[in-house]
């Protein structure tokens, strides 16, 4: 398992590198955002898909972690991204997720939690090469190609958004509880009281519904969510 670590605090980077190495990861460390971007995405450099997880500090010199994440996503690189940040507001969380990050962990953090998050992202990124596409109405999800379309129109999703949608589509018409989402998508490692699920659902609605004038994801307050057969919102084409 390979991880690219972008952290400008050299002491913290050394501690993380040692801990990740002891946990069985192969680590490539960069202290500058521009250098990390070139390592992750430079067509003349190493294979960008050779990293299993990208661990990015938000505040980096030359290119901050959020910009780095956005740029690699723009290149079509779907490697899971875990953001390290001292920021704590919902606005910052939304910005990170909309920028393509799959998960985040706030500083200061427990090392075991960080390792657990990385392992979860790695596990979720592994797919069965024989798993068939799932279709609900005009919405199609291909788990192998990691591709989502509505009526043939491509939709870009983060790995977490993709996993949540996959779960909802595979149980279309049925209630998917918040507990099940935590268990399946986060391996139970996110606090249920956190708003991280709500943020991801809101992002999904914006991407798969709002732009197409559909209303697909129903919220069942206090329970969870249900994916419905798409229906048109009156007044929208």
Protein backbone atom coordinates (compact mmCIF):
# COMPACT_ATOMS: atom_id res chain seq x y z
CA UNK A 1 0.00 0.00 0.00
CA UNK A 2 1.40 3.38 -1.04
CA UNK A 3 0.55 6.75 0.44
CA UNK A 4 1.65 10.20 -0.66
CA UNK A 5 2.04 12.43 2.39
CA UNK A 6 2.07 16.20 1.88
CA UNK A 7 2.88 17.95 5.19
CA UNK A 8 5.02 21.07 5.60
CA UNK A 9 5.65 20.51 9.31
CA UNK A 10 8.85 18.46 8.99
CA UNK A 11 8.69 17.04 12.51
CA UNK A 12 5.08 15.95 12.11
CA UNK A 13 5.87 14.53 8.68
CA UNK A 14 8.68 12.45 10.20
CA UNK A 15 6.38 11.08 12.89
CA UNK A 16 3.67 10.25 10.36
CA UNK A 17 6.13 8.66 7.95
CA UNK A 18 7.53 6.44 10.69
CA UNK A 19 4.07 5.45 11.95
CA UNK A 20 2.76 4.69 8.46
CA UNK A 21 5.87 2.70 7.62
CA UNK A 22 5.52 0.66 10.82
CA UNK A 23 1.89 0.04 9.87
CA UNK A 24 3.02 -1.48 6.57
CA UNK A 25 2.59 1.47 4.22
CA UNK A 26 5.13 2.67 1.67
CA UNK A 27 5.34 6.44 2.14
CA UNK A 28 6.47 9.24 -0.17
CA UNK A 29 6.81 12.56 1.68
CA UNK A 30 6.64 16.09 0.29
CA UNK A 31 6.75 19.36 2.26
CA UNK A 32 5.58 21.57 -0.60
CA UNK A 33 2.20 21.48 -2.33
CA UNK A 34 3.66 22.01 -5.78
CA UNK A 35 6.08 19.12 -5.33
CA UNK A 36 3.27 16.90 -4.05
CA UNK A 37 1.12 17.77 -7.07
CA UNK A 38 3.91 16.88 -9.47
CA UNK A 39 4.46 13.57 -7.69
CA UNK A 40 0.76 12.75 -7.81
CA UNK A 41 -0.09 13.99 -11.27
CA UNK A 42 2.94 14.85 -13.42
CA UNK A 43 2.57 12.92 -16.70
CA UNK A 44 6.37 12.81 -16.95
CA UNK A 45 6.71 11.47 -13.40
CA UNK A 46 5.58 8.29 -11.65
CA UNK A 47 2.25 6.67 -12.46
CA UNK A 48 -0.27 8.91 -10.62
CA UNK A 49 -2.54 5.94 -9.99
CA UNK A 50 0.27 4.09 -8.18
CA UNK A 51 -0.69 5.77 -4.88
CA UNK A 52 -3.44 4.09 -2.89
CA UNK A 53 -4.23 7.15 -0.73
CA UNK A 54 -3.21 10.82 -0.74
CA UNK A 55 -2.78 12.35 2.73
CA UNK A 56 -2.78 16.13 2.30
CA UNK A 57 -2.34 18.90 4.82
CA UNK A 58 -4.68 21.80 4.04
CA UNK A 59 -2.06 24.51 4.61
CA UNK A 60 0.91 23.87 2.33
CA UNK A 61 3.40 26.28 0.73
CA UNK A 62 3.25 26.97 -3.03
CA UNK A 63 -0.05 25.11 -3.44
CA UNK A 64 -2.45 24.44 -0.57
CA UNK A 65 -3.96 21.00 -0.08
CA UNK A 66 -7.42 21.99 -1.29
CA UNK A 67 -6.07 23.44 -4.54
CA UNK A 68 -3.89 20.36 -4.98
CA UNK A 69 -6.92 18.12 -4.52
CA UNK A 70 -9.01 20.10 -7.00
CA UNK A 71 -6.27 19.98 -9.62
CA UNK A 72 -5.73 16.23 -9.43
CA UNK A 73 -9.48 15.66 -9.62
CA UNK A 74 -9.59 17.87 -12.72
CA UNK A 75 -7.09 15.47 -14.28
CA UNK A 76 -9.42 12.53 -13.65
CA UNK A 77 -7.37 11.02 -10.82
CA UNK A 78 -9.70 9.26 -8.38
CA UNK A 79 -7.18 8.23 -5.72
CA UNK A 80 -8.84 8.64 -2.27
CA UNK A 81 -7.84 11.87 -0.49
CA UNK A 82 -7.74 12.36 3.28
CA UNK A 83 -7.31 16.01 4.30
CA UNK A 84 -5.48 17.08 7.46
CA UNK A 85 -6.83 20.37 8.75
CA UNK A 86 -7.07 22.60 11.78
CA UNK A 87 -10.24 24.12 10.28
CA UNK A 88 -13.48 23.09 11.91
CA UNK A 89 -16.40 25.00 10.39
CA UNK A 90 -19.06 23.40 8.20
CA UNK A 91 -18.15 25.85 5.44
CA UNK A 92 -14.57 24.56 5.44
CA UNK A 93 -15.78 20.96 5.46
CA UNK A 94 -18.06 21.61 2.49
CA UNK A 95 -15.23 23.36 0.62
CA UNK A 96 -12.96 20.38 1.17
CA UNK A 97 -15.53 17.82 0.05
CA UNK A 98 -16.59 19.89 -2.95
CA UNK A 99 -12.91 20.17 -3.83
CA UNK A 100 -12.76 16.39 -4.18
CA UNK A 101 -11.57 15.25 -0.75
CA UNK A 102 -13.08 11.96 0.43
CA UNK A 103 -12.58 12.44 4.14
CA UNK A 104 -10.97 14.82 6.58
CA UNK A 105 -9.48 14.65 10.05
CA UNK A 106 -9.10 17.63 12.35
CA UNK A 107 -5.88 18.55 14.10
CA UNK A 108 -4.93 17.61 16.74
CA UNK A 109 -5.84 14.00 16.06
CA UNK A 110 -5.07 10.58 17.52
CA UNK A 111 -2.64 8.58 15.41
CA UNK A 112 -4.77 5.45 15.64
CA UNK A 113 -7.76 7.34 14.25
CA UNK A 114 -5.68 8.60 11.34
CA UNK A 115 -4.43 5.10 10.52
CA UNK A 116 -7.97 3.77 10.80
CA UNK A 117 -9.28 6.40 8.37
CA UNK A 118 -6.52 5.60 5.88
CA UNK A 119 -7.22 1.87 6.06
CA UNK A 120 -10.95 2.52 5.56
CA UNK A 121 -10.31 4.65 2.47
CA UNK A 122 -8.01 2.01 1.07
CA UNK A 123 -10.56 -0.76 1.62
CA UNK A 124 -13.34 1.26 0.08
CA UNK A 125 -11.25 1.94 -3.03
CA UNK A 126 -10.88 -1.78 -3.78
CA UNK A 127 -13.62 -3.07 -6.12
CA UNK A 128 -14.71 -6.43 -7.53
CA UNK A 129 -13.64 -6.43 -11.21
CA UNK A 130 -16.72 -8.48 -12.07
CA UNK A 131 -19.28 -6.29 -10.30
CA UNK A 132 -21.91 -5.16 -12.84
CA UNK A 133 -23.23 -1.60 -13.27
CA UNK A 134 -26.32 -0.54 -11.29
CA UNK A 135 -29.15 1.39 -12.98
CA UNK A 136 -32.08 3.21 -11.38
CA UNK A 137 -34.16 5.17 -13.86
CA UNK A 138 -31.76 7.30 -15.91
CA UNK A 139 -29.06 7.02 -13.27
CA UNK A 140 -26.30 4.47 -13.92
CA UNK A 141 -23.31 3.67 -11.69
CA UNK A 142 -20.39 1.55 -12.88
CA UNK A 143 -18.39 0.42 -9.80
CA UNK A 144 -15.47 -0.92 -11.84
CA UNK A 145 -14.95 2.14 -14.05
CA UNK A 146 -15.93 4.39 -11.11
CA UNK A 147 -18.30 6.23 -13.43
CA UNK A 148 -21.76 7.72 -12.86
CA UNK A 149 -24.09 9.05 -15.54
CA UNK A 150 -27.65 10.36 -15.70
CA UNK A 151 -29.21 10.01 -19.11
CA UNK A 152 -25.71 9.50 -20.51
CA UNK A 153 -24.36 12.71 -18.94
CA UNK A 154 -21.22 12.08 -16.83
CA UNK A 155 -21.32 13.09 -13.15
CA UNK A 156 -18.11 13.61 -11.19
CA UNK A 157 -18.27 12.31 -7.61
CA UNK A 158 -15.72 11.95 -4.84
CA UNK A 159 -15.01 8.41 -3.61
CA UNK A 160 -17.24 8.91 -0.55
CA UNK A 161 -20.09 10.33 -2.62
CA UNK A 162 -19.69 7.45 -5.04
CA UNK A 163 -19.88 4.87 -2.24
CA UNK A 164 -22.96 6.48 -0.68
CA UNK A 165 -24.73 6.61 -4.06
CA UNK A 166 -23.77 2.99 -4.75
CA UNK A 167 -25.31 1.99 -1.43
CA UNK A 168 -28.50 3.97 -2.11
CA UNK A 169 -28.84 2.65 -5.67
CA UNK A 170 -28.26 -0.97 -4.65
CA UNK A 171 -31.18 -0.55 -2.20
CA UNK A 172 -33.37 1.68 -4.37
CA UNK A 173 -36.84 2.13 -2.94
CA UNK A 174 -35.73 0.94 0.51
CA UNK A 175 -34.68 2.90 3.57
CA UNK A 176 -30.92 3.22 4.05
CA UNK A 177 -30.26 4.18 7.66
CA UNK A 178 -27.50 6.50 8.82
CA UNK A 179 -26.12 3.57 10.81
CA UNK A 180 -25.85 1.50 7.62
CA UNK A 181 -24.13 4.34 5.76
CA UNK A 182 -21.59 4.65 8.58
CA UNK A 183 -21.03 0.91 8.64
CA UNK A 184 -20.72 0.44 4.88
CA UNK A 185 -19.03 3.67 3.78
CA UNK A 186 -17.02 4.69 6.85
CA UNK A 187 -16.67 1.23 8.43
CA UNK A 188 -18.36 2.72 11.50
CA UNK A 189 -15.47 5.10 12.13
CA UNK A 190 -17.30 8.44 11.97
CA UNK A 191 -19.28 9.82 14.91
CA UNK A 192 -23.01 9.56 14.13
CA UNK A 193 -23.48 12.98 15.71
CA UNK A 194 -21.20 14.50 13.07
CA UNK A 195 -22.79 16.31 10.11
CA UNK A 196 -20.41 14.68 7.64
CA UNK A 197 -23.15 12.40 6.24
CA UNK A 198 -25.50 15.36 5.78
CA UNK A 199 -22.79 17.28 3.94
CA UNK A 200 -22.15 14.37 1.57
CA UNK A 201 -25.88 13.86 0.92
CA UNK A 202 -26.26 17.57 0.16
CA UNK A 203 -23.36 17.37 -2.28
CA UNK A 204 -24.92 14.30 -3.92
CA UNK A 205 -28.25 16.06 -4.33
CA UNK A 206 -26.54 19.02 -5.99
CA UNK A 207 -24.71 16.77 -8.44
CA UNK A 208 -27.21 14.04 -9.34
CA UNK A 209 -30.50 15.87 -8.85
CA UNK A 210 -30.44 19.67 -8.81
CA UNK A 211 -28.53 20.10 -12.07
CA UNK A 212 -30.95 17.71 -13.81
CA UNK A 213 -34.18 19.05 -12.30
CA UNK A 214 -34.89 15.79 -10.48
CA UNK A 215 -35.67 14.88 -6.88
CA UNK A 216 -34.22 11.44 -6.26
CA UNK A 217 -32.98 11.25 -2.65
CA UNK A 218 -35.66 11.37 0.05
CA UNK A 219 -34.73 12.17 3.66
CA UNK A 220 -36.55 10.22 6.36
CA UNK A 221 -35.93 12.34 9.43
CA UNK A 222 -34.33 10.50 12.30
CA UNK A 223 -33.96 7.36 10.18
CA UNK A 224 -31.98 7.81 6.98
CA UNK A 225 -32.49 8.16 3.24
CA UNK A 226 -34.20 6.45 0.31
CA UNK A 227 -33.40 6.60 -3.40
CA UNK A 228 -36.58 7.00 -5.43
CA UNK A 229 -37.26 6.58 -9.12
CA UNK A 230 -36.49 10.09 -10.49
CA UNK A 231 -39.36 12.48 -10.92
CA UNK A 232 -39.41 15.92 -12.47
CA UNK A 233 -39.69 19.01 -10.29
CA UNK A 234 -42.62 21.16 -11.56
CA UNK A 235 -41.49 24.18 -13.53
CA UNK A 236 -38.07 22.74 -14.43
CA UNK A 237 -37.12 21.28 -17.77
